Amino acid sequence: LAGSLSPSREREFLAGRFAAKEAVLKVLG
């Protein structure tokens, strides 16, 4: 999914996914 985006949008997309993963881990404790 990230690779299908422009470089600037890919950067933003991957950072958003990383933040989402961290938020999910907080749900899981």
Full PDB file with SEQRES, HELIX, SHEET, SSBOND, CRYST1, ORIGX, SCALE, CONECT and MASTER records, all heavy atoms in Angstrom:
SEQRES   1 A   29  LEU ALA GLY SER LEU SER PRO SER ARG GLU ARG GLU PHE          
SEQRES   2 A   29  LEU ALA GLY ARG PHE ALA ALA LYS GLU ALA VAL LEU LYS          
SEQRES   3 A   29  VAL LEU GLY                                                  
HELIX    1 AA1 ALA A    2  SER A    4  5                                   3    
HELIX    2 AA2 PRO A    7  LEU A   28  1                                  22    
CRYST1    1.000    1.000    1.000  90.00  90.00  90.00 P 1           1          
ORIGX1      1.000000  0.000000  0.000000        0.00000                         
ORIGX2      0.000000  1.000000  0.000000        0.00000                         
ORIGX3      0.000000  0.000000  1.000000        0.00000                         
SCALE1      1.000000  0.000000  0.000000        0.00000                         
SCALE2      0.000000  1.000000  0.000000        0.00000                         
SCALE3      0.000000  0.000000  1.000000        0.00000                         
ATOM      1  N   LEU A   1       0.839  -1.200   0.000  1.00  0.00           N  
ATOM      2  CA  LEU A   1       0.000   0.000   0.000  1.00  0.00           C  
ATOM      3  C   LEU A   1       0.873   1.249   0.000  1.00  0.00           C  
ATOM      4  O   LEU A   1       0.644   2.190  -0.762  1.00  0.00           O  
ATOM      5  CB  LEU A   1      -0.920   0.018   1.223  1.00  0.00           C  
ATOM      6  CG  LEU A   1      -2.136  -0.887   1.204  1.00  0.00           C  
ATOM      7  CD1 LEU A   1      -2.775  -0.968   2.584  1.00  0.00           C  
ATOM      8  CD2 LEU A   1      -3.152  -0.377   0.200  1.00  0.00           C  
ATOM      9  N   ALA A   2       1.890   1.270   0.854  1.00  0.00           N  
ATOM     10  CA  ALA A   2       2.784   2.425   0.948  1.00  0.00           C  
ATOM     11  C   ALA A   2       3.520   2.643  -0.362  1.00  0.00           C  
ATOM     12  O   ALA A   2       3.680   3.786  -0.816  1.00  0.00           O  
ATOM     13  CB  ALA A   2       3.777   2.228   2.089  1.00  0.00           C  
ATOM     14  N   GLY A   3       3.977   1.564  -0.992  1.00  0.00           N  
ATOM     15  CA  GLY A   3       4.729   1.657  -2.235  1.00  0.00           C  
ATOM     16  C   GLY A   3       3.920   2.190  -3.402  1.00  0.00           C  
ATOM     17  O   GLY A   3       4.491   2.660  -4.396  1.00  0.00           O  
ATOM     18  N   SER A   4       2.602   2.158  -3.293  1.00  0.00           N  
ATOM     19  CA  SER A   4       1.751   2.663  -4.371  1.00  0.00           C  
ATOM     20  C   SER A   4       1.535   4.176  -4.275  1.00  0.00           C  
ATOM     21  O   SER A   4       0.877   4.758  -5.137  1.00  0.00           O  
ATOM     22  CB  SER A   4       0.391   1.952  -4.341  1.00  0.00           C  
ATOM     23  OG  SER A   4      -0.366   2.356  -3.210  1.00  0.00           O  
ATOM     24  N   LEU A   5       2.106   4.805  -3.254  1.00  0.00           N  
ATOM     25  CA  LEU A   5       1.898   6.232  -3.006  1.00  0.00           C  
ATOM     26  C   LEU A   5       3.112   7.055  -3.440  1.00  0.00           C  
ATOM     27  O   LEU A   5       4.201   6.516  -3.622  1.00  0.00           O  
ATOM     28  CB  LEU A   5       1.629   6.449  -1.518  1.00  0.00           C  
ATOM     29  CG  LEU A   5       0.470   5.642  -0.921  1.00  0.00           C  
ATOM     30  CD1 LEU A   5       0.471   5.749   0.593  1.00  0.00           C  
ATOM     31  CD2 LEU A   5      -0.848   6.116  -1.503  1.00  0.00           C  
ATOM     32  N   SER A   6       2.915   8.359  -3.530  1.00  0.00           N  
ATOM     33  CA  SER A   6       4.046   9.257  -3.808  1.00  0.00           C  
ATOM     34  C   SER A   6       5.005   9.209  -2.617  1.00  0.00           C  
ATOM     35  O   SER A   6       4.600   8.847  -1.508  1.00  0.00           O  
ATOM     36  CB  SER A   6       3.548  10.690  -4.006  1.00  0.00           C  
ATOM     37  OG  SER A   6       3.094  11.216  -2.775  1.00  0.00           O  
ATOM     38  N   PRO A   7       6.271   9.583  -2.803  1.00  0.00           N  
ATOM     39  CA  PRO A   7       7.233   9.516  -1.694  1.00  0.00           C  
ATOM     40  C   PRO A   7       6.797  10.281  -0.440  1.00  0.00           C  
ATOM     41  O   PRO A   7       6.932   9.771   0.677  1.00  0.00           O  
ATOM     42  CB  PRO A   7       8.516  10.100  -2.289  1.00  0.00           C  
ATOM     43  CG  PRO A   7       8.406   9.791  -3.747  1.00  0.00           C  
ATOM     44  CD  PRO A   7       6.932   9.930  -4.069  1.00  0.00           C  
ATOM     45  N   SER A   8       6.252  11.472  -0.596  1.00  0.00           N  
ATOM     46  CA  SER A   8       5.845  12.230   0.596  1.00  0.00           C  
ATOM     47  C   SER A   8       4.639  11.585   1.273  1.00  0.00           C  
ATOM     48  O   SER A   8       4.558  11.536   2.500  1.00  0.00           O  
ATOM     49  CB  SER A   8       5.552  13.690   0.254  1.00  0.00           C  
ATOM     50  OG  SER A   8       4.447  13.788  -0.626  1.00  0.00           O  
ATOM     51  N   ARG A   9       3.711  11.089   0.473  1.00  0.00           N  
ATOM     52  CA  ARG A   9       2.535  10.419   1.049  1.00  0.00           C  
ATOM     53  C   ARG A   9       2.926   9.080   1.678  1.00  0.00           C  
ATOM     54  O   ARG A   9       2.383   8.692   2.698  1.00  0.00           O  
ATOM     55  CB  ARG A   9       1.467  10.239  -0.041  1.00  0.00           C  
ATOM     56  CG  ARG A   9       0.219   9.562   0.431  1.00  0.00           C  
ATOM     57  CD  ARG A   9      -0.556  10.395   1.461  1.00  0.00           C  
ATOM     58  NE  ARG A   9      -1.681   9.606   1.907  1.00  0.00           N  
ATOM     59  CZ  ARG A   9      -1.785   9.044   3.117  1.00  0.00           C  
ATOM     60  NH1 ARG A   9      -0.843   9.229   4.023  1.00  0.00           N  
ATOM     61  NH2 ARG A   9      -2.835   8.324   3.446  1.00  0.00           N  
ATOM     62  N   GLU A  10       3.895   8.377   1.088  1.00  0.00           N  
ATOM     63  CA  GLU A  10       4.381   7.116   1.656  1.00  0.00           C  
ATOM     64  C   GLU A  10       4.975   7.350   3.047  1.00  0.00           C  
ATOM     65  O   GLU A  10       4.712   6.598   3.978  1.00  0.00           O  
ATOM     66  CB  GLU A  10       5.432   6.481   0.749  1.00  0.00           C  
ATOM     67  CG  GLU A  10       6.031   5.205   1.317  1.00  0.00           C  
ATOM     68  CD  GLU A  10       7.128   4.625   0.464  1.00  0.00           C  
ATOM     69  OE1 GLU A  10       7.725   5.353  -0.352  1.00  0.00           O  
ATOM     70  OE2 GLU A  10       7.400   3.427   0.612  1.00  0.00           O  
ATOM     71  N   ARG A  11       5.749   8.402   3.175  1.00  0.00           N  
ATOM     72  CA  ARG A  11       6.365   8.769   4.460  1.00  0.00           C  
ATOM     73  C   ARG A  11       5.282   8.990   5.517  1.00  0.00           C  
ATOM     74  O   ARG A  11       5.358   8.478   6.625  1.00  0.00           O  
ATOM     75  CB  ARG A  11       7.194  10.032   4.233  1.00  0.00           C  
ATOM     76  CG  ARG A  11       7.837  10.613   5.437  1.00  0.00           C  
ATOM     77  CD  ARG A  11       8.644  11.853   5.003  1.00  0.00           C  
ATOM     78  NE  ARG A  11       9.279  12.462   6.133  1.00  0.00           N  
ATOM     79  CZ  ARG A  11       8.912  13.636   6.644  1.00  0.00           C  
ATOM     80  NH1 ARG A  11       7.912  14.316   6.112  1.00  0.00           N  
ATOM     81  NH2 ARG A  11       9.549  14.132   7.670  1.00  0.00           N  
ATOM     82  N   GLU A  12       4.281   9.773   5.162  1.00  0.00           N  
ATOM     83  CA  GLU A  12       3.165  10.062   6.062  1.00  0.00           C  
ATOM     84  C   GLU A  12       2.372   8.792   6.387  1.00  0.00           C  
ATOM     85  O   GLU A  12       2.012   8.546   7.536  1.00  0.00           O  
ATOM     86  CB  GLU A  12       2.271  11.104   5.384  1.00  0.00           C  
ATOM     87  CG  GLU A  12       1.094  11.560   6.190  1.00  0.00           C  
ATOM     88  CD  GLU A  12       0.283  12.582   5.411  1.00  0.00           C  
ATOM     89  OE1 GLU A  12      -0.487  12.165   4.517  1.00  0.00           O  
ATOM     90  OE2 GLU A  12       0.426  13.780   5.686  1.00  0.00           O  
ATOM     91  N   PHE A  13       2.120   7.980   5.382  1.00  0.00           N  
ATOM     92  CA  PHE A  13       1.355   6.736   5.532  1.00  0.00           C  
ATOM     93  C   PHE A  13       2.042   5.788   6.517  1.00  0.00           C  
ATOM     94  O   PHE A  13       1.417   5.258   7.430  1.00  0.00           O  
ATOM     95  CB  PHE A  13       1.197   6.074   4.157  1.00  0.00           C  
ATOM     96  CG  PHE A  13       0.490   4.747   4.182  1.00  0.00           C  
ATOM     97  CD1 PHE A  13      -0.885   4.675   4.073  1.00  0.00           C  
ATOM     98  CD2 PHE A  13       1.205   3.565   4.288  1.00  0.00           C  
ATOM     99  CE1 PHE A  13      -1.539   3.460   4.086  1.00  0.00           C  
ATOM    100  CE2 PHE A  13       0.566   2.340   4.295  1.00  0.00           C  
ATOM    101  CZ  PHE A  13      -0.818   2.281   4.192  1.00  0.00           C  
ATOM    102  N   LEU A  14       3.352   5.565   6.317  1.00  0.00           N  
ATOM    103  CA  LEU A  14       4.069   4.639   7.194  1.00  0.00           C  
ATOM    104  C   LEU A  14       4.162   5.163   8.626  1.00  0.00           C  
ATOM    105  O   LEU A  14       4.053   4.393   9.582  1.00  0.00           O  
ATOM    106  CB  LEU A  14       5.456   4.328   6.633  1.00  0.00           C  
ATOM    107  CG  LEU A  14       5.466   3.471   5.367  1.00  0.00           C  
ATOM    108  CD1 LEU A  14       6.880   3.345   4.815  1.00  0.00           C  
ATOM    109  CD2 LEU A  14       4.845   2.108   5.612  1.00  0.00           C  
ATOM    110  N   ALA A  15       4.336   6.464   8.789  1.00  0.00           N  
ATOM    111  CA  ALA A  15       4.353   7.041  10.136  1.00  0.00           C  
ATOM    112  C   ALA A  15       2.994   6.852  10.807  1.00  0.00           C  
ATOM    113  O   ALA A  15       2.916   6.514  11.990  1.00  0.00           O  
ATOM    114  CB  ALA A  15       4.722   8.518  10.084  1.00  0.00           C  
ATOM    115  N   GLY A  16       1.928   7.043  10.048  1.00  0.00           N  
ATOM    116  CA  GLY A  16       0.586   6.831  10.595  1.00  0.00           C  
ATOM    117  C   GLY A  16       0.359   5.389  10.997  1.00  0.00           C  
ATOM    118  O   GLY A  16      -0.224   5.101  12.049  1.00  0.00           O  
ATOM    119  N   ARG A  17       0.832   4.462  10.169  1.00  0.00           N  
ATOM    120  CA  ARG A  17       0.688   3.042  10.503  1.00  0.00           C  
ATOM    121  C   ARG A  17       1.483   2.692  11.755  1.00  0.00           C  
ATOM    122  O   ARG A  17       1.039   1.932  12.595  1.00  0.00           O  
ATOM    123  CB  ARG A  17       1.130   2.149   9.329  1.00  0.00           C  
ATOM    124  CG  ARG A  17       0.178   2.126   8.120  1.00  0.00           C  
ATOM    125  CD  ARG A  17      -1.255   2.175   8.541  1.00  0.00           C  
ATOM    126  NE  ARG A  17      -2.208   1.843   7.510  1.00  0.00           N  
ATOM    127  CZ  ARG A  17      -3.073   2.689   6.979  1.00  0.00           C  
ATOM    128  NH1 ARG A  17      -3.059   3.960   7.311  1.00  0.00           N  
ATOM    129  NH2 ARG A  17      -3.971   2.279   6.118  1.00  0.00           N  
ATOM    130  N   PHE A  18       2.685   3.266  11.888  1.00  0.00           N  
ATOM    131  CA  PHE A  18       3.495   2.999  13.075  1.00  0.00           C  
ATOM    132  C   PHE A  18       2.789   3.523  14.329  1.00  0.00           C  
ATOM    133  O   PHE A  18       2.713   2.827  15.338  1.00  0.00           O  
ATOM    134  CB  PHE A  18       4.883   3.630  12.942  1.00  0.00           C  
ATOM    135  CG  PHE A  18       5.818   3.212  14.029  1.00  0.00           C  
ATOM    136  CD1 PHE A  18       6.536   2.036  13.915  1.00  0.00           C  
ATOM    137  CD2 PHE A  18       5.974   3.987  15.161  1.00  0.00           C  
ATOM    138  CE1 PHE A  18       7.390   1.630  14.934  1.00  0.00           C  
ATOM    139  CE2 PHE A  18       6.823   3.589  16.180  1.00  0.00           C  
ATOM    140  CZ  PHE A  18       7.540   2.411  16.066  1.00  0.00           C  
ATOM    141  N   ALA A  19       2.262   4.746  14.254  1.00  0.00           N  
ATOM    142  CA  ALA A  19       1.536   5.309  15.402  1.00  0.00           C  
ATOM    143  C   ALA A  19       0.315   4.451  15.737  1.00  0.00           C  
ATOM    144  O   ALA A  19       0.014   4.223  16.915  1.00  0.00           O  
ATOM    145  CB  ALA A  19       1.110   6.751  15.105  1.00  0.00           C  
ATOM    146  N   ALA A  20      -0.373   3.955  14.722  1.00  0.00           N  
ATOM    147  CA  ALA A  20      -1.532   3.093  14.960  1.00  0.00           C  
ATOM    148  C   ALA A  20      -1.125   1.802  15.659  1.00  0.00           C  
ATOM    149  O   ALA A  20      -1.807   1.331  16.577  1.00  0.00           O  
ATOM    150  CB  ALA A  20      -2.246   2.790  13.645  1.00  0.00           C  
ATOM    151  N   LYS A  21      -0.009   1.223  15.253  1.00  0.00           N  
ATOM    152  CA  LYS A  21       0.488   0.001  15.891  1.00  0.00           C  
ATOM    153  C   LYS A  21       0.791   0.270  17.366  1.00  0.00           C  
ATOM    154  O   LYS A  21       0.452  -0.531  18.241  1.00  0.00           O  
ATOM    155  CB  LYS A  21       1.744  -0.506  15.179  1.00  0.00           C  
ATOM    156  CG  LYS A  21       1.472  -1.054  13.779  1.00  0.00           C  
ATOM    157  CD  LYS A  21       2.777  -1.300  13.023  1.00  0.00           C  
ATOM    158  CE  LYS A  21       2.531  -1.726  11.607  1.00  0.00           C  
ATOM    159  NZ  LYS A  21       2.424  -3.170  11.452  1.00  0.00           N  
ATOM    160  N   GLU A  22       1.428   1.399  17.653  1.00  0.00           N  
ATOM    161  CA  GLU A  22       1.725   1.767  19.036  1.00  0.00           C  
ATOM    162  C   GLU A  22       0.430   1.958  19.842  1.00  0.00           C  
ATOM    163  O   GLU A  22       0.337   1.521  20.987  1.00  0.00           O  
ATOM    164  CB  GLU A  22       2.562   3.047  19.079  1.00  0.00           C  
ATOM    165  CG  GLU A  22       3.973   2.884  18.585  1.00  0.00           C  
ATOM    166  CD  GLU A  22       4.933   2.363  19.638  1.00  0.00           C  
ATOM    167  OE1 GLU A  22       4.514   2.062  20.775  1.00  0.00           O  
ATOM    168  OE2 GLU A  22       6.122   2.249  19.316  1.00  0.00           O  
ATOM    169  N   ALA A  23      -0.559   2.605  19.257  1.00  0.00           N  
ATOM    170  CA  ALA A  23      -1.838   2.803  19.956  1.00  0.00           C  
ATOM    171  C   ALA A  23      -2.512   1.463  20.241  1.00  0.00           C  
ATOM    172  O   ALA A  23      -3.066   1.251  21.324  1.00  0.00           O  
ATOM    173  CB  ALA A  23      -2.754   3.706  19.122  1.00  0.00           C  
ATOM    174  N   VAL A  24      -2.444   0.546  19.288  1.00  0.00           N  
ATOM    175  CA  VAL A  24      -3.027  -0.787  19.483  1.00  0.00           C  
ATOM    176  C   VAL A  24      -2.320  -1.506  20.629  1.00  0.00           C  
ATOM    177  O   VAL A  24      -2.964  -2.143  21.471  1.00  0.00           O  
ATOM    178  CB  VAL A  24      -2.972  -1.617  18.183  1.00  0.00           C  
ATOM    179  CG1 VAL A  24      -3.294  -3.089  18.447  1.00  0.00           C  
ATOM    180  CG2 VAL A  24      -3.938  -1.030  17.152  1.00  0.00           C  
ATOM    181  N   LEU A  25      -0.997  -1.391  20.699  1.00  0.00           N  
ATOM    182  CA  LEU A  25      -0.261  -2.040  21.781  1.00  0.00           C  
ATOM    183  C   LEU A  25      -0.642  -1.468  23.143  1.00  0.00           C  
ATOM    184  O   LEU A  25      -0.631  -2.183  24.146  1.00  0.00           O  
ATOM    185  CB  LEU A  25       1.238  -1.923  21.560  1.00  0.00           C  
ATOM    186  CG  LEU A  25       1.762  -2.752  20.397  1.00  0.00           C  
ATOM    187  CD1 LEU A  25       3.248  -2.550  20.225  1.00  0.00           C  
ATOM    188  CD2 LEU A  25       1.446  -4.223  20.589  1.00  0.00           C  
ATOM    189  N   LYS A  26      -1.006  -0.205  23.182  1.00  0.00           N  
ATOM    190  CA  LYS A  26      -1.477   0.389  24.432  1.00  0.00           C  
ATOM    191  C   LYS A  26      -2.831  -0.189  24.821  1.00  0.00           C  
ATOM    192  O   LYS A  26      -3.117  -0.395  25.996  1.00  0.00           O  
ATOM    193  CB  LYS A  26      -1.500   1.903  24.327  1.00  0.00           C  
ATOM    194  CG  LYS A  26      -0.079   2.464  24.270  1.00  0.00           C  
ATOM    195  CD  LYS A  26      -0.033   3.935  23.959  1.00  0.00           C  
ATOM    196  CE  LYS A  26       1.428   4.371  23.881  1.00  0.00           C  
ATOM    197  NZ  LYS A  26       1.595   5.700  23.336  1.00  0.00           N  
ATOM    198  N   VAL A  27      -3.673  -0.467  23.829  1.00  0.00           N  
ATOM    199  CA  VAL A  27      -4.941  -1.156  24.102  1.00  0.00           C  
ATOM    200  C   VAL A  27      -4.654  -2.530  24.704  1.00  0.00           C  
ATOM    201  O   VAL A  27      -5.319  -2.966  25.641  1.00  0.00           O  
ATOM    202  CB  VAL A  27      -5.791  -1.291  22.815  1.00  0.00           C  
ATOM    203  CG1 VAL A  27      -6.942  -2.268  23.011  1.00  0.00           C  
ATOM    204  CG2 VAL A  27      -6.312   0.067  22.372  1.00  0.00           C  
ATOM    205  N   LEU A  28      -3.637  -3.198  24.165  1.00  0.00           N  
ATOM    206  CA  LEU A  28      -3.289  -4.538  24.637  1.00  0.00           C  
ATOM    207  C   LEU A  28      -2.499  -4.517  25.946  1.00  0.00           C  
ATOM    208  O   LEU A  28      -2.293  -5.564  26.558  1.00  0.00           O  
ATOM    209  CB  LEU A  28      -2.491  -5.281  23.566  1.00  0.00           C  
ATOM    210  CG  LEU A  28      -3.201  -5.507  22.235  1.00  0.00           C  
ATOM    211  CD1 LEU A  28      -2.271  -6.205  21.249  1.00  0.00           C  
ATOM    212  CD2 LEU A  28      -4.489  -6.292  22.433  1.00  0.00           C  
ATOM    213  N   GLY A  29      -2.034  -3.330  26.355  1.00  0.00           N  
ATOM    214  CA  GLY A  29      -1.287  -3.218  27.606  1.00  0.00           C  
ATOM    215  C   GLY A  29       0.122  -3.763  27.503  1.00  0.00           C  
ATOM    216  O   GLY A  29       0.687  -4.202  28.506  1.00  0.00           O  
TER     217      GLY A  29                                                      
MASTER        0    0    0    2    0    0    0    6  216    1    0    3          
END                                                                             
